[in-house]
Amino acid sequence: MEQLKRKAELGPLRQHFLYNTLVLISWNARKEKAQETERISKLSARYYRLALDKGETYNALDKEVALLHHYLSIECSRFVIQLDYDILSF
């Protein structure tokens, strides 16, 4: 029981550490004028903040669309090829 309790307490701390690390990378990239690194780290922080928010198992459609947008933007940077996509709003 104690082990489960400790594990539950560490989850939010790990998420907070991940967000802070990505923000730190973004700040350093801005300071060093590494614009692409800054952009990718900001997208990653936004993606994980949405994806890991409160540990929900499902998301509202607008949240899923935002996750998809951040994910595809990161993939466009990861792969040199041009990825063209449209996200239609309802």
Protein backbone atom coordinates (compact mmCIF):
# COMPACT_ATOMS: atom_id res chain seq x y z
CA MET A 1 0.00 0.00 0.00
CA GLU A 2 2.84 2.40 0.88
CA GLN A 3 4.53 1.66 -2.43
CA LEU A 4 1.34 2.49 -4.37
CA LYS A 5 0.92 5.69 -2.39
CA ARG A 6 4.50 6.75 -3.09
CA LYS A 7 4.12 5.95 -6.78
CA ALA A 8 0.97 8.08 -6.97
CA GLU A 9 2.79 10.97 -5.32
CA LEU A 10 5.75 10.79 -7.73
CA GLY A 11 3.66 10.94 -10.92
CA PRO A 12 2.88 14.67 -10.77
CA LEU A 13 6.46 15.44 -9.70
CA ARG A 14 7.83 13.63 -12.74
CA GLN A 15 5.44 15.50 -15.02
CA HIS A 16 6.40 18.81 -13.42
CA PHE A 17 10.09 17.96 -13.90
CA LEU A 18 9.48 17.13 -17.57
CA TYR A 19 7.67 20.44 -18.20
CA ASN A 20 10.33 22.45 -16.39
CA THR A 21 13.13 20.72 -18.29
CA LEU A 22 11.52 21.47 -21.65
CA VAL A 23 10.96 25.09 -20.65
CA LEU A 24 14.60 25.36 -19.55
CA ILE A 25 15.73 24.03 -22.93
CA SER A 26 13.50 26.58 -24.61
CA TRP A 27 14.89 29.47 -22.53
CA ASN A 28 18.47 28.40 -23.21
CA ALA A 29 17.75 28.06 -26.90
CA ARG A 30 16.30 31.57 -26.97
CA LYS A 31 19.36 32.92 -25.15
CA GLU A 32 21.65 31.13 -27.63
CA LYS A 33 19.50 32.25 -30.59
CA ALA A 34 18.78 28.65 -31.57
CA GLN A 35 15.32 29.35 -32.94
CA GLU A 36 14.50 25.86 -34.20
CA THR A 37 15.50 24.27 -30.88
CA GLU A 38 13.39 26.82 -29.03
CA ARG A 39 10.39 26.11 -31.27
CA ILE A 40 10.66 22.33 -30.92
CA SER A 41 11.08 22.46 -27.14
CA LYS A 42 8.04 24.74 -26.80
CA LEU A 43 5.97 22.39 -28.96
CA SER A 44 7.14 19.43 -26.88
CA ALA A 45 6.26 21.18 -23.62
CA ARG A 46 2.79 22.03 -24.93
CA TYR A 47 2.27 18.49 -26.21
CA TYR A 48 3.24 16.83 -22.93
CA ARG A 49 1.32 19.34 -20.83
CA LEU A 50 -1.84 18.38 -22.75
CA ALA A 51 -1.06 14.67 -23.06
CA LEU A 52 -0.22 14.12 -19.41
CA ASP A 53 -2.69 16.56 -17.90
CA LYS A 54 -4.32 14.98 -14.84
CA GLY A 55 -3.83 11.47 -16.22
CA GLU A 56 -7.16 11.50 -18.03
CA THR A 57 -7.87 8.50 -20.25
CA TYR A 58 -9.82 10.48 -22.83
CA ASN A 59 -9.78 14.06 -24.08
CA ALA A 60 -12.26 16.50 -25.51
CA LEU A 61 -12.05 16.87 -29.29
CA ASP A 62 -10.44 20.32 -29.13
CA LYS A 63 -7.71 18.94 -26.87
CA GLU A 64 -7.11 16.01 -29.23
CA VAL A 65 -6.83 18.42 -32.17
CA ALA A 66 -4.28 20.51 -30.24
CA LEU A 67 -2.29 17.35 -29.40
CA LEU A 68 -2.34 16.32 -33.05
CA HIS A 69 -1.20 19.77 -34.17
CA HIS A 70 1.75 19.79 -31.73
CA TYR A 71 2.68 16.22 -32.65
CA LEU A 72 2.64 16.89 -36.39
CA SER A 73 4.62 20.09 -35.97
CA ILE A 74 7.31 18.18 -34.07
CA GLU A 75 7.36 15.44 -36.73
CA CYS A 76 7.76 18.04 -39.47
CA SER A 77 10.90 19.24 -37.68
CA ARG A 78 12.14 15.75 -37.00
CA PHE A 79 11.96 14.62 -40.59
CA VAL A 80 13.50 16.85 -43.21
CA ILE A 81 10.74 16.02 -45.68
CA GLN A 82 7.89 18.45 -46.00
CA LEU A 83 4.72 17.18 -44.40
CA ASP A 84 1.61 18.98 -45.52
CA TYR A 85 -1.57 18.59 -43.51
CA ASP A 86 -4.80 20.37 -42.76
CA ILE A 87 -6.79 20.14 -39.55
CA LEU A 88 -10.38 21.03 -40.23
CA SER A 89 -12.40 22.67 -37.51
CA PHE A 90 -15.99 21.72 -36.84
